[in-house]
Amino acid sequence: MGLLYYGADTTATEIPDRLLAHIKVVIATKLRRNESFTLSWRHPDNTAAGRTTLWLQPSIPLRFVFENPEPETLDPELLRELATMANSSAGVSLSWQAETAPAAAVVELRQPVAA
């Protein structure tokens, strides 16, 4: 599991490495263009019920930590889907639990695209 740190909060959000790698690309692209957007997810079953939404903008510190030292193979279709969500007024909505996840965000169920 990868870790996402945002702002001054020292508590990280755990996100599977493969999904985090895709989100990192979308976030970096948007923030490089000085474009803000929201990133939301439901809390995992083993935590308190609810959901979290972050307002991502360039002036707030952001850090990605990956468990796997090797870079993930990125799925171009998934990147396009996540970028489309990031460009919408609803923002990006993630789920990494198969039973509740939209197909676009369930990265671990997809096979990597061969380069």
PDB file of N, CA and C in Angstrom:
ATOM      1  N   MET A   1       0.828  -1.179   0.000  1.00  0.00           N
ATOM      2  CA  MET A   1       0.000   0.000   0.000  1.00  0.00           C
ATOM      3  C   MET A   1       0.876   1.247   0.000  1.00  0.00           C
ATOM      4  N   GLY A   2       0.505   2.181  -0.866  1.00  0.00           N
ATOM      5  CA  GLY A   2       1.184   3.458  -0.904  1.00  0.00           C
ATOM      6  C   GLY A   2       0.545   4.407   0.097  1.00  0.00           C
ATOM      7  N   LEU A   3       1.193   5.537   0.297  1.00  0.00           N
ATOM      8  CA  LEU A   3       0.705   6.540   1.243  1.00  0.00           C
ATOM      9  C   LEU A   3       0.595   7.892   0.562  1.00  0.00           C
ATOM     10  N   LEU A   4      -0.483   8.595   0.840  1.00  0.00           N
ATOM     11  CA  LEU A   4      -0.700   9.944   0.347  1.00  0.00           C
ATOM     12  C   LEU A   4      -0.749  10.876   1.546  1.00  0.00           C
ATOM     13  N   TYR A   5       0.180  11.832   1.585  1.00  0.00           N
ATOM     14  CA  TYR A   5       0.207  12.859   2.625  1.00  0.00           C
ATOM     15  C   TYR A   5      -0.221  14.169   1.983  1.00  0.00           C
ATOM     16  N   TYR A   6      -1.103  14.907   2.653  1.00  0.00           N
ATOM     17  CA  TYR A   6      -1.585  16.160   2.088  1.00  0.00           C
ATOM     18  C   TYR A   6      -1.606  17.236   3.152  1.00  0.00           C
ATOM     19  N   GLY A   7      -1.045  18.381   2.830  1.00  0.00           N
ATOM     20  CA  GLY A   7      -1.017  19.501   3.762  1.00  0.00           C
ATOM     21  C   GLY A   7      -0.134  19.212   4.957  1.00  0.00           C
ATOM     22  N   ALA A   8      -0.458  19.814   6.082  1.00  0.00           N
ATOM     23  CA  ALA A   8       0.325  19.655   7.307  1.00  0.00           C
ATOM     24  C   ALA A   8      -0.034  18.388   8.067  1.00  0.00           C
ATOM     25  N   ASP A   9      -1.040  17.652   7.593  1.00  0.00           N
ATOM     26  CA  ASP A   9      -1.479  16.435   8.271  1.00  0.00           C
ATOM     27  C   ASP A   9      -0.376  15.379   8.206  1.00  0.00           C
ATOM     28  N   THR A  10       0.014  14.850   9.350  1.00  0.00           N
ATOM     29  CA  THR A  10       1.058  13.820   9.381  1.00  0.00           C
ATOM     30  C   THR A  10       0.480  12.415   9.258  1.00  0.00           C
ATOM     31  N   THR A  11      -0.850  12.316   9.216  1.00  0.00           N
ATOM     32  CA  THR A  11      -1.503  11.029   9.019  1.00  0.00           C
ATOM     33  C   THR A  11      -1.691  10.809   7.525  1.00  0.00           C
ATOM     34  N   ALA A  12      -1.221   9.682   7.042  1.00  0.00           N
ATOM     35  CA  ALA A  12      -1.306   9.378   5.613  1.00  0.00           C
ATOM     36  C   ALA A  12      -2.569   8.591   5.303  1.00  0.00           C
ATOM     37  N   THR A  13      -3.004   8.687   4.063  1.00  0.00           N
ATOM     38  CA  THR A  13      -4.082   7.859   3.547  1.00  0.00           C
ATOM     39  C   THR A  13      -3.443   6.714   2.778  1.00  0.00           C
ATOM     40  N   GLU A  14      -3.840   5.489   3.091  1.00  0.00           N
ATOM     41  CA  GLU A  14      -3.314   4.317   2.385  1.00  0.00           C
ATOM     42  C   GLU A  14      -4.100   4.090   1.104  1.00  0.00           C
ATOM     43  N   ILE A  15      -3.373   3.998  -0.004  1.00  0.00           N
ATOM     44  CA  ILE A  15      -3.960   3.755  -1.320  1.00  0.00           C
ATOM     45  C   ILE A  15      -3.059   2.729  -2.012  1.00  0.00           C
ATOM     46  N   PRO A  16      -3.628   1.724  -2.657  1.00  0.00           N
ATOM     47  CA  PRO A  16      -2.786   0.748  -3.349  1.00  0.00           C
ATOM     48  C   PRO A  16      -1.802   1.437  -4.299  1.00  0.00           C
ATOM     49  N   ASP A  17      -0.570   0.942  -4.326  1.00  0.00           N
ATOM     50  CA  ASP A  17       0.481   1.539  -5.149  1.00  0.00           C
ATOM     51  C   ASP A  17       0.041   1.789  -6.588  1.00  0.00           C
ATOM     52  N   ARG A  18      -0.613   0.821  -7.186  1.00  0.00           N
ATOM     53  CA  ARG A  18      -0.985   0.947  -8.598  1.00  0.00           C
ATOM     54  C   ARG A  18      -1.963   2.096  -8.819  1.00  0.00           C
ATOM     55  N   LEU A  19      -2.949   2.222  -7.947  1.00  0.00           N
ATOM     56  CA  LEU A  19      -3.898   3.326  -8.042  1.00  0.00           C
ATOM     57  C   LEU A  19      -3.208   4.647  -7.732  1.00  0.00           C
ATOM     58  N   LEU A  20      -2.362   4.666  -6.717  1.00  0.00           N
ATOM     59  CA  LEU A  20      -1.647   5.879  -6.339  1.00  0.00           C
ATOM     60  C   LEU A  20      -0.752   6.375  -7.476  1.00  0.00           C
ATOM     61  N   ALA A  21      -0.135   5.465  -8.209  1.00  0.00           N
ATOM     62  CA  ALA A  21       0.714   5.857  -9.337  1.00  0.00           C
ATOM     63  C   ALA A  21      -0.100   6.594 -10.404  1.00  0.00           C
ATOM     64  N   HIS A  22      -1.295   6.114 -10.679  1.00  0.00           N
ATOM     65  CA  HIS A  22      -2.161   6.766 -11.662  1.00  0.00           C
ATOM     66  C   HIS A  22      -2.643   8.124 -11.147  1.00  0.00           C
ATOM     67  N   ILE A  23      -3.037   8.168  -9.905  1.00  0.00           N
ATOM     68  CA  ILE A  23      -3.507   9.419  -9.307  1.00  0.00           C
ATOM     69  C   ILE A  23      -2.382  10.445  -9.289  1.00  0.00           C
ATOM     70  N   LYS A  24      -1.169  10.004  -8.993  1.00  0.00           N
ATOM     71  CA  LYS A  24      -0.017  10.912  -8.960  1.00  0.00           C
ATOM     72  C   LYS A  24       0.148  11.632 -10.292  1.00  0.00           C
ATOM     73  N   VAL A  25       0.036  10.907 -11.383  1.00  0.00           N
ATOM     74  CA  VAL A  25       0.190  11.512 -12.712  1.00  0.00           C
ATOM     75  C   VAL A  25      -0.899  12.549 -12.961  1.00  0.00           C
ATOM     76  N   VAL A  26      -2.138  12.196 -12.645  1.00  0.00           N
ATOM     77  CA  VAL A  26      -3.261  13.125 -12.861  1.00  0.00           C
ATOM     78  C   VAL A  26      -3.107  14.360 -11.975  1.00  0.00           C
ATOM     79  N   ILE A  27      -2.783  14.163 -10.713  1.00  0.00           N
ATOM     80  CA  ILE A  27      -2.615  15.296  -9.801  1.00  0.00           C
ATOM     81  C   ILE A  27      -1.472  16.189 -10.264  1.00  0.00           C
ATOM     82  N   ALA A  28      -0.335  15.604 -10.588  1.00  0.00           N
ATOM     83  CA  ALA A  28       0.817  16.404 -11.024  1.00  0.00           C
ATOM     84  C   ALA A  28       0.493  17.211 -12.273  1.00  0.00           C
ATOM     85  N   THR A  29      -0.231  16.610 -13.198  1.00  0.00           N
ATOM     86  CA  THR A  29      -0.608  17.320 -14.423  1.00  0.00           C
ATOM     87  C   THR A  29      -1.503  18.507 -14.115  1.00  0.00           C
ATOM     88  N   LYS A  30      -2.524  18.286 -13.294  1.00  0.00           N
ATOM     89  CA  LYS A  30      -3.453  19.362 -12.950  1.00  0.00           C
ATOM     90  C   LYS A  30      -2.747  20.480 -12.173  1.00  0.00           C
ATOM     91  N   LEU A  31      -1.960  20.125 -11.182  1.00  0.00           N
ATOM     92  CA  LEU A  31      -1.313  21.139 -10.352  1.00  0.00           C
ATOM     93  C   LEU A  31      -0.238  21.900 -11.120  1.00  0.00           C
ATOM     94  N   ARG A  32       0.439  21.235 -12.044  1.00  0.00           N
ATOM     95  CA  ARG A  32       1.433  21.914 -12.882  1.00  0.00           C
ATOM     96  C   ARG A  32       0.771  23.015 -13.707  1.00  0.00           C
ATOM     97  N   ARG A  33      -0.481  22.813 -14.053  1.00  0.00           N
ATOM     98  CA  ARG A  33      -1.260  23.801 -14.823  1.00  0.00           C
ATOM     99  C   ARG A  33      -1.969  24.812 -13.916  1.00  0.00           C
ATOM    100  N   ASN A  34      -1.689  24.750 -12.608  1.00  0.00           N
ATOM    101  CA  ASN A  34      -2.355  25.595 -11.612  1.00  0.00           C
ATOM    102  C   ASN A  34      -3.864  25.391 -11.594  1.00  0.00           C
ATOM    103  N   GLU A  35      -4.308  24.156 -11.805  1.00  0.00           N
ATOM    104  CA  GLU A  35      -5.730  23.802 -11.782  1.00  0.00           C
ATOM    105  C   GLU A  35      -6.030  23.033 -10.498  1.00  0.00           C
ATOM    106  N   SER A  36      -7.004  23.493  -9.757  1.00  0.00           N
ATOM    107  CA  SER A  36      -7.432  22.838  -8.521  1.00  0.00           C
ATOM    108  C   SER A  36      -8.611  21.916  -8.811  1.00  0.00           C
ATOM    109  N   PHE A  37      -8.785  20.902  -7.965  1.00  0.00           N
ATOM    110  CA  PHE A  37      -9.900  19.962  -8.107  1.00  0.00           C
ATOM    111  C   PHE A  37     -10.037  19.166  -6.823  1.00  0.00           C
ATOM    112  N   THR A  38     -11.102  18.369  -6.723  1.00  0.00           N
ATOM    113  CA  THR A  38     -11.306  17.546  -5.532  1.00  0.00           C
ATOM    114  C   THR A  38     -10.935  16.084  -5.800  1.00  0.00           C
ATOM    115  N   LEU A  39     -10.526  15.422  -4.744  1.00  0.00           N
ATOM    116  CA  LEU A  39     -10.216  13.995  -4.746  1.00  0.00           C
ATOM    117  C   LEU A  39     -10.977  13.406  -3.561  1.00  0.00           C
ATOM    118  N   SER A  40     -11.857  12.452  -3.837  1.00  0.00           N
ATOM    119  CA  SER A  40     -12.720  11.884  -2.789  1.00  0.00           C
ATOM    120  C   SER A  40     -12.628  10.368  -2.758  1.00  0.00           C
ATOM    121  N   TRP A  41     -12.927   9.784  -1.594  1.00  0.00           N
ATOM    122  CA  TRP A  41     -12.997   8.334  -1.452  1.00  0.00           C
ATOM    123  C   TRP A  41     -13.820   7.985  -0.225  1.00  0.00           C
ATOM    124  N   ARG A  42     -14.406   6.787  -0.264  1.00  0.00           N
ATOM    125  CA  ARG A  42     -15.096   6.230   0.906  1.00  0.00           C
ATOM    126  C   ARG A  42     -14.042   5.640   1.827  1.00  0.00           C
ATOM    127  N   HIS A  43     -14.303   5.718   3.124  1.00  0.00           N
ATOM    128  CA  HIS A  43     -13.368   5.141   4.078  1.00  0.00           C
ATOM    129  C   HIS A  43     -13.404   3.613   3.960  1.00  0.00           C
ATOM    130  N   PRO A  44     -12.261   2.964   4.072  1.00  0.00           N
ATOM    131  CA  PRO A  44     -12.217   1.499   4.006  1.00  0.00           C
ATOM    132  C   PRO A  44     -13.054   0.869   5.118  1.00  0.00           C
ATOM    133  N   ASP A  45     -13.471  -0.356   4.899  1.00  0.00           N
ATOM    134  CA  ASP A  45     -14.331  -1.065   5.853  1.00  0.00           C
ATOM    135  C   ASP A  45     -13.735  -1.176   7.249  1.00  0.00           C
ATOM    136  N   ASN A  46     -12.409  -1.242   7.359  1.00  0.00           N
ATOM    137  CA  ASN A  46     -11.770  -1.444   8.663  1.00  0.00           C
ATOM    138  C   ASN A  46     -11.558  -0.131   9.430  1.00  0.00           C
ATOM    139  N   THR A  47     -12.157   0.978   8.951  1.00  0.00           N
ATOM    140  CA  THR A  47     -12.034   2.271   9.622  1.00  0.00           C
ATOM    141  C   THR A  47     -13.428   2.833   9.911  1.00  0.00           C
ATOM    142  N   ALA A  48     -13.458   3.996  10.522  1.00  0.00           N
ATOM    143  CA  ALA A  48     -14.740   4.644  10.810  1.00  0.00           C
ATOM    144  C   ALA A  48     -15.488   4.918   9.510  1.00  0.00           C
ATOM    145  N   ALA A  49     -16.786   4.729   9.520  1.00  0.00           N
ATOM    146  CA  ALA A  49     -17.600   4.943   8.322  1.00  0.00           C
ATOM    147  C   ALA A  49     -17.504   6.400   7.875  1.00  0.00           C
ATOM    148  N   GLY A  50     -17.695   6.612   6.595  1.00  0.00           N
ATOM    149  CA  GLY A  50     -17.699   7.973   6.069  1.00  0.00           C
ATOM    150  C   GLY A  50     -16.927   8.070   4.767  1.00  0.00           C
ATOM    151  N   ARG A  51     -16.641   9.298   4.405  1.00  0.00           N
ATOM    152  CA  ARG A  51     -15.861   9.552   3.203  1.00  0.00           C
ATOM    153  C   ARG A  51     -15.028  10.800   3.416  1.00  0.00           C
ATOM    154  N   THR A  52     -14.006  10.964   2.595  1.00  0.00           N
ATOM    155  CA  THR A  52     -13.097  12.099   2.680  1.00  0.00           C
ATOM    156  C   THR A  52     -13.025  12.768   1.325  1.00  0.00           C
ATOM    157  N   THR A  53     -12.969  14.088   1.325  1.00  0.00           N
ATOM    158  CA  THR A  53     -12.725  14.848   0.109  1.00  0.00           C
ATOM    159  C   THR A  53     -11.606  15.844   0.395  1.00  0.00           C
ATOM    160  N   LEU A  54     -10.608  15.852  -0.483  1.00  0.00           N
ATOM    161  CA  LEU A  54      -9.519  16.822  -0.402  1.00  0.00           C
ATOM    162  C   LEU A  54      -9.676  17.837  -1.523  1.00  0.00           C
ATOM    163  N   TRP A  55      -9.423  19.097  -1.229  1.00  0.00           N
ATOM    164  CA  TRP A  55      -9.346  20.131  -2.255  1.00  0.00           C
ATOM    165  C   TRP A  55      -7.865  20.235  -2.603  1.00  0.00           C
ATOM    166  N   LEU A  56      -7.505  19.770  -3.792  1.00  0.00           N
ATOM    167  CA  LEU A  56      -6.114  19.776  -4.219  1.00  0.00           C
ATOM    168  C   LEU A  56      -5.823  21.068  -4.963  1.00  0.00           C
ATOM    169  N   GLN A  57      -4.811  21.783  -4.487  1.00  0.00           N
ATOM    170  CA  GLN A  57      -4.394  23.001  -5.157  1.00  0.00           C
ATOM    171  C   GLN A  57      -2.879  23.149  -5.000  1.00  0.00           C
ATOM    172  N   PRO A  58      -2.237  23.868  -5.909  1.00  0.00           N
ATOM    173  CA  PRO A  58      -0.776  23.892  -5.976  1.00  0.00           C
ATOM    174  C   PRO A  58      -0.035  24.364  -4.728  1.00  0.00           C
ATOM    175  N   SER A  59      -0.631  25.196  -3.899  1.00  0.00           N
ATOM    176  CA  SER A  59       0.115  25.749  -2.765  1.00  0.00           C
ATOM    177  C   SER A  59       0.122  24.847  -1.525  1.00  0.00           C
ATOM    178  N   ILE A  60      -0.585  23.728  -1.565  1.00  0.00           N
ATOM    179  CA  ILE A  60      -0.641  22.829  -0.408  1.00  0.00           C
ATOM    180  C   ILE A  60       0.338  21.674  -0.622  1.00  0.00           C
ATOM    181  N   PRO A  61       1.226  21.423   0.365  1.00  0.00           N
ATOM    182  CA  PRO A  61       2.206  20.340   0.214  1.00  0.00           C
ATOM    183  C   PRO A  61       1.537  18.977   0.007  1.00  0.00           C
ATOM    184  N   LEU A  62       2.159  18.179  -0.828  1.00  0.00           N
ATOM    185  CA  LEU A  62       1.628  16.867  -1.194  1.00  0.00           C
ATOM    186  C   LEU A  62       2.797  15.909  -1.336  1.00  0.00           C
ATOM    187  N   ARG A  63       2.640  14.694  -0.813  1.00  0.00           N
ATOM    188  CA  ARG A  63       3.719  13.703  -0.905  1.00  0.00           C
ATOM    189  C   ARG A  63       3.131  12.328  -1.159  1.00  0.00           C
ATOM    190  N   PHE A  64       3.756  11.598  -2.089  1.00  0.00           N
ATOM    191  CA  PHE A  64       3.368  10.232  -2.424  1.00  0.00           C
ATOM    192  C   PHE A  64       4.497   9.312  -1.970  1.00  0.00           C
ATOM    193  N   VAL A  65       4.152   8.256  -1.241  1.00  0.00           N
ATOM    194  CA  VAL A  65       5.138   7.263  -0.802  1.00  0.00           C
ATOM    195  C   VAL A  65       4.648   5.908  -1.290  1.00  0.00           C
ATOM    196  N   PHE A  66       5.505   5.207  -2.032  1.00  0.00           N
ATOM    197  CA  PHE A  66       5.135   3.917  -2.602  1.00  0.00           C
ATOM    198  C   PHE A  66       5.835   2.792  -1.859  1.00  0.00           C
ATOM    199  N   GLU A  67       5.091   1.722  -1.614  1.00  0.00           N
ATOM    200  CA  GLU A  67       5.652   0.550  -0.955  1.00  0.00           C
ATOM    201  C   GLU A  67       6.640  -0.153  -1.886  1.00  0.00           C
ATOM    202  N   ASN A  68       6.266  -0.287  -3.142  1.00  0.00           N
ATOM    203  CA  ASN A  68       7.092  -0.972  -4.128  1.00  0.00           C
ATOM    204  C   ASN A  68       8.132   0.000  -4.690  1.00  0.00           C
ATOM    205  N   PRO A  69       9.418  -0.352  -4.661  1.00  0.00           N
ATOM    206  CA  PRO A  69      10.440   0.557  -5.181  1.00  0.00           C
ATOM    207  C   PRO A  69      10.421   0.686  -6.716  1.00  0.00           C
ATOM    208  N   GLU A  70       9.808  -0.263  -7.403  1.00  0.00           N
ATOM    209  CA  GLU A  70       9.745  -0.214  -8.866  1.00  0.00           C
ATOM    210  C   GLU A  70       8.514   0.570  -9.313  1.00  0.00           C
ATOM    211  N   PRO A  71       8.644   1.395 -10.365  1.00  0.00           N
ATOM    212  CA  PRO A  71       7.482   2.141 -10.855  1.00  0.00           C
ATOM    213  C   PRO A  71       6.422   1.213 -11.435  1.00  0.00           C
ATOM    214  N   GLU A  72       5.177   1.608 -11.278  1.00  0.00           N
ATOM    215  CA  GLU A  72       4.050   0.834 -11.804  1.00  0.00           C
ATOM    216  C   GLU A  72       3.915   1.043 -13.310  1.00  0.00           C
ATOM    217  N   THR A  73       3.370   0.050 -13.999  1.00  0.00           N
ATOM    218  CA  THR A  73       3.003   0.202 -15.398  1.00  0.00           C
ATOM    219  C   THR A  73       1.667   0.929 -15.435  1.00  0.00           C
ATOM    220  N   LEU A  74       1.633   2.035 -16.165  1.00  0.00           N
ATOM    221  CA  LEU A  74       0.420   2.847 -16.197  1.00  0.00           C
ATOM    222  C   LEU A  74      -0.499   2.434 -17.333  1.00  0.00           C
ATOM    223  N   ASP A  75      -1.795   2.481 -17.061  1.00  0.00           N
ATOM    224  CA  ASP A  75      -2.836   2.147 -18.020  1.00  0.00           C
ATOM    225  C   ASP A  75      -3.328   3.451 -18.652  1.00  0.00           C
ATOM    226  N   PRO A  76      -3.051   3.694 -19.953  1.00  0.00           N
ATOM    227  CA  PRO A  76      -3.451   4.960 -20.588  1.00  0.00           C
ATOM    228  C   PRO A  76      -4.951   5.215 -20.534  1.00  0.00           C
ATOM    229  N   GLU A  77      -5.754   4.166 -20.655  1.00  0.00           N
ATOM    230  CA  GLU A  77      -7.210   4.338 -20.600  1.00  0.00           C
ATOM    231  C   GLU A  77      -7.646   4.826 -19.219  1.00  0.00           C
ATOM    232  N   LEU A  78      -7.081   4.232 -18.191  1.00  0.00           N
ATOM    233  CA  LEU A  78      -7.414   4.653 -16.832  1.00  0.00           C
ATOM    234  C   LEU A  78      -6.959   6.091 -16.586  1.00  0.00           C
ATOM    235  N   LEU A  79      -5.780   6.457 -17.078  1.00  0.00           N
ATOM    236  CA  LEU A  79      -5.314   7.836 -16.927  1.00  0.00           C
ATOM    237  C   LEU A  79      -6.291   8.815 -17.567  1.00  0.00           C
ATOM    238  N   ARG A  80      -6.782   8.475 -18.762  1.00  0.00           N
ATOM    239  CA  ARG A  80      -7.761   9.338 -19.442  1.00  0.00           C
ATOM    240  C   ARG A  80      -9.048   9.443 -18.622  1.00  0.00           C
ATOM    241  N   GLU A  81      -9.516   8.328 -18.082  1.00  0.00           N
ATOM    242  CA  GLU A  81     -10.745   8.337 -17.275  1.00  0.00           C
ATOM    243  C   GLU A  81     -10.578   9.192 -16.022  1.00  0.00           C
ATOM    244  N   LEU A  82      -9.456   9.047 -15.344  1.00  0.00           N
ATOM    245  CA  LEU A  82      -9.206   9.835 -14.143  1.00  0.00           C
ATOM    246  C   LEU A  82      -9.046  11.314 -14.487  1.00  0.00           C
ATOM    247  N   ALA A  83      -8.382  11.627 -15.598  1.00  0.00           N
ATOM    248  CA  ALA A  83      -8.218  13.017 -16.025  1.00  0.00           C
ATOM    249  C   ALA A  83      -9.572  13.635 -16.361  1.00  0.00           C
ATOM    250  N   THR A  84     -10.441  12.866 -16.991  1.00  0.00           N
ATOM    251  CA  THR A  84     -11.787  13.358 -17.307  1.00  0.00           C
ATOM    252  C   THR A  84     -12.540  13.668 -16.017  1.00  0.00           C
ATOM    253  N   MET A  85     -12.437  12.783 -15.028  1.00  0.00           N
ATOM    254  CA  MET A  85     -13.078  13.039 -13.734  1.00  0.00           C
ATOM    255  C   MET A  85     -12.497  14.294 -13.083  1.00  0.00           C
ATOM    256  N   ALA A  86     -11.167  14.447 -13.146  1.00  0.00           N
ATOM    257  CA  ALA A  86     -10.517  15.606 -12.528  1.00  0.00           C
ATOM    258  C   ALA A  86     -10.967  16.911 -13.181  1.00  0.00           C
ATOM    259  N   ASN A  87     -11.316  16.853 -14.451  1.00  0.00           N
ATOM    260  CA  ASN A  87     -11.768  18.046 -15.175  1.00  0.00           C
ATOM    261  C   ASN A  87     -13.253  18.328 -14.978  1.00  0.00           C
ATOM    262  N   SER A  88     -13.967  17.438 -14.307  1.00  0.00           N
ATOM    263  CA  SER A  88     -15.403  17.631 -14.090  1.00  0.00           C
ATOM    264  C   SER A  88     -15.634  18.394 -12.785  1.00  0.00           C
ATOM    265  N   SER A  89     -16.826  18.916 -12.615  1.00  0.00           N
ATOM    266  CA  SER A  89     -17.151  19.627 -11.378  1.00  0.00           C
ATOM    267  C   SER A  89     -17.245  18.668 -10.187  1.00  0.00           C
ATOM    268  N   ALA A  90     -17.446  17.392 -10.434  1.00  0.00           N
ATOM    269  CA  ALA A  90     -17.521  16.395  -9.354  1.00  0.00           C
ATOM    270  C   ALA A  90     -16.141  16.002  -8.845  1.00  0.00           C
ATOM    271  N   GLY A  91     -15.104  16.204  -9.631  1.00  0.00           N
ATOM    272  CA  GLY A  91     -13.755  15.815  -9.229  1.00  0.00           C
ATOM    273  C   GLY A  91     -13.545  14.318  -9.354  1.00  0.00           C
ATOM    274  N   VAL A  92     -12.427  13.851  -8.821  1.00  0.00           N
ATOM    275  CA  VAL A  92     -12.069  12.435  -8.884  1.00  0.00           C
ATOM    276  C   VAL A  92     -12.638  11.724  -7.667  1.00  0.00           C
ATOM    277  N   SER A  93     -13.340  10.642  -7.918  1.00  0.00           N
ATOM    278  CA  SER A  93     -13.888   9.818  -6.846  1.00  0.00           C
ATOM    279  C   SER A  93     -13.241   8.442  -6.946  1.00  0.00           C
ATOM    280  N   LEU A  94     -12.511   8.058  -5.909  1.00  0.00           N
ATOM    281  CA  LEU A  94     -11.761   6.810  -5.907  1.00  0.00           C
ATOM    282  C   LEU A  94     -12.438   5.748  -5.060  1.00  0.00           C
ATOM    283  N   SER A  95     -12.158   4.512  -5.402  1.00  0.00           N
ATOM    284  CA  SER A  95     -12.511   3.387  -4.552  1.00  0.00           C
ATOM    285  C   SER A  95     -11.535   2.270  -4.856  1.00  0.00           C
ATOM    286  N   TRP A  96     -11.044   1.650  -3.849  1.00  0.00           N
ATOM    287  CA  TRP A  96     -10.145   0.517  -4.073  1.00  0.00           C
ATOM    288  C   TRP A  96     -10.701  -0.738  -3.438  1.00  0.00           C
ATOM    289  N   GLN A  97     -12.019  -0.734  -3.201  1.00  0.00           N
ATOM    290  CA  GLN A  97     -12.710  -1.928  -2.736  1.00  0.00           C
ATOM    291  C   GLN A  97     -13.625  -2.389  -3.861  1.00  0.00           C
ATOM    292  N   ALA A  98     -13.383  -3.569  -4.367  1.00  0.00           N
ATOM    293  CA  ALA A  98     -14.075  -4.064  -5.565  1.00  0.00           C
ATOM    294  C   ALA A  98     -15.589  -4.024  -5.448  1.00  0.00           C
ATOM    295  N   GLU A  99     -16.129  -4.267  -4.264  1.00  0.00           N
ATOM    296  CA  GLU A  99     -17.573  -4.334  -4.153  1.00  0.00           C
ATOM    297  C   GLU A  99     -18.250  -2.973  -4.256  1.00  0.00           C
ATOM    298  N   THR A 100     -17.520  -1.878  -4.070  1.00  0.00           N
ATOM    299  CA  THR A 100     -18.135  -0.553  -4.129  1.00  0.00           C
ATOM    300  C   THR A 100     -17.541   0.331  -5.202  1.00  0.00           C
ATOM    301  N   ALA A 101     -16.585  -0.182  -5.960  1.00  0.00           N
ATOM    302  CA  ALA A 101     -15.808   0.674  -6.845  1.00  0.00           C
ATOM    303  C   ALA A 101     -16.380   0.787  -8.250  1.00  0.00           C
ATOM    304  N   PRO A 102     -16.334   2.019  -8.819  1.00  0.00           N
ATOM    305  CA  PRO A 102     -16.619   2.131 -10.240  1.00  0.00           C
ATOM    306  C   PRO A 102     -15.477   1.474 -11.008  1.00  0.00           C
ATOM    307  N   ALA A 103     -15.775   0.887 -12.136  1.00  0.00           N
ATOM    308  CA  ALA A 103     -14.760   0.157 -12.904  1.00  0.00           C
ATOM    309  C   ALA A 103     -13.555   1.018 -13.219  1.00  0.00           C
ATOM    310  N   ALA A 104     -13.740   2.293 -13.452  1.00  0.00           N
ATOM    311  CA  ALA A 104     -12.630   3.170 -13.822  1.00  0.00           C
ATOM    312  C   ALA A 104     -11.588   3.290 -12.724  1.00  0.00           C
ATOM    313  N   ALA A 105     -11.973   3.138 -11.465  1.00  0.00           N
ATOM    314  CA  ALA A 105     -11.032   3.366 -10.377  1.00  0.00           C
ATOM    315  C   ALA A 105     -10.483   2.097  -9.759  1.00  0.00           C
ATOM    316  N   VAL A 106     -10.937   0.944 -10.172  1.00  0.00           N
ATOM    317  CA  VAL A 106     -10.460  -0.302  -9.583  1.00  0.00           C
ATOM    318  C   VAL A 106      -9.236  -0.768 -10.354  1.00  0.00           C
ATOM    319  N   VAL A 107      -8.123  -0.173 -10.036  1.00  0.00           N
ATOM    320  CA  VAL A 107      -6.903  -0.438 -10.782  1.00  0.00           C
ATOM    321  C   VAL A 107      -6.403  -1.856 -10.554  1.00  0.00           C
ATOM    322  N   GLU A 108      -6.515  -2.358  -9.327  1.00  0.00           N
ATOM    323  CA  GLU A 108      -5.946  -3.674  -9.061  1.00  0.00           C
ATOM    324  C   GLU A 108      -6.657  -4.796  -9.797  1.00  0.00           C
ATOM    325  N   LEU A 109      -7.848  -4.544 -10.306  1.00  0.00           N
ATOM    326  CA  LEU A 109      -8.568  -5.560 -11.071  1.00  0.00           C
ATOM    327  C   LEU A 109      -8.236  -5.527 -12.558  1.00  0.00           C
ATOM    328  N   ARG A 110      -7.515  -4.516 -12.976  1.00  0.00           N
ATOM    329  CA  ARG A 110      -7.149  -4.386 -14.390  1.00  0.00           C
ATOM    330  C   ARG A 110      -5.786  -5.019 -14.632  1.00  0.00           C
ATOM    331  N   GLN A 111      -5.591  -5.470 -15.827  1.00  0.00           N
ATOM    332  CA  GLN A 111      -4.301  -5.992 -16.233  1.00  0.00           C
ATOM    333  C   GLN A 111      -3.480  -4.835 -16.803  1.00  0.00           C
ATOM    334  N   PRO A 112      -2.169  -4.774 -16.537  1.00  0.00           N
ATOM    335  CA  PRO A 112      -1.362  -3.702 -17.098  1.00  0.00           C
ATOM    336  C   PRO A 112      -1.368  -3.771 -18.630  1.00  0.00           C
ATOM    337  N   VAL A 113      -1.288  -2.605 -19.239  1.00  0.00           N
ATOM    338  CA  VAL A 113      -1.214  -2.522 -20.695  1.00  0.00           C
ATOM    339  C   VAL A 113       0.244  -2.714 -21.097  1.00  0.00           C
ATOM    340  N   ALA A 114       0.489  -3.631 -22.021  1.00  0.00           N
ATOM    341  CA  ALA A 114       1.859  -3.872 -22.471  1.00  0.00           C
ATOM    342  C   ALA A 114       2.364  -2.672 -23.242  1.00  0.00           C
ATOM    343  N   ALA A 115       3.615  -2.322 -23.004  1.00  0.00           N
ATOM    344  CA  ALA A 115       4.215  -1.162 -23.681  1.00  0.00           C
ATOM    345  C   ALA A 115       4.658  -1.501 -25.083  1.00  0.00           C
TER     346      ALA A 115
END
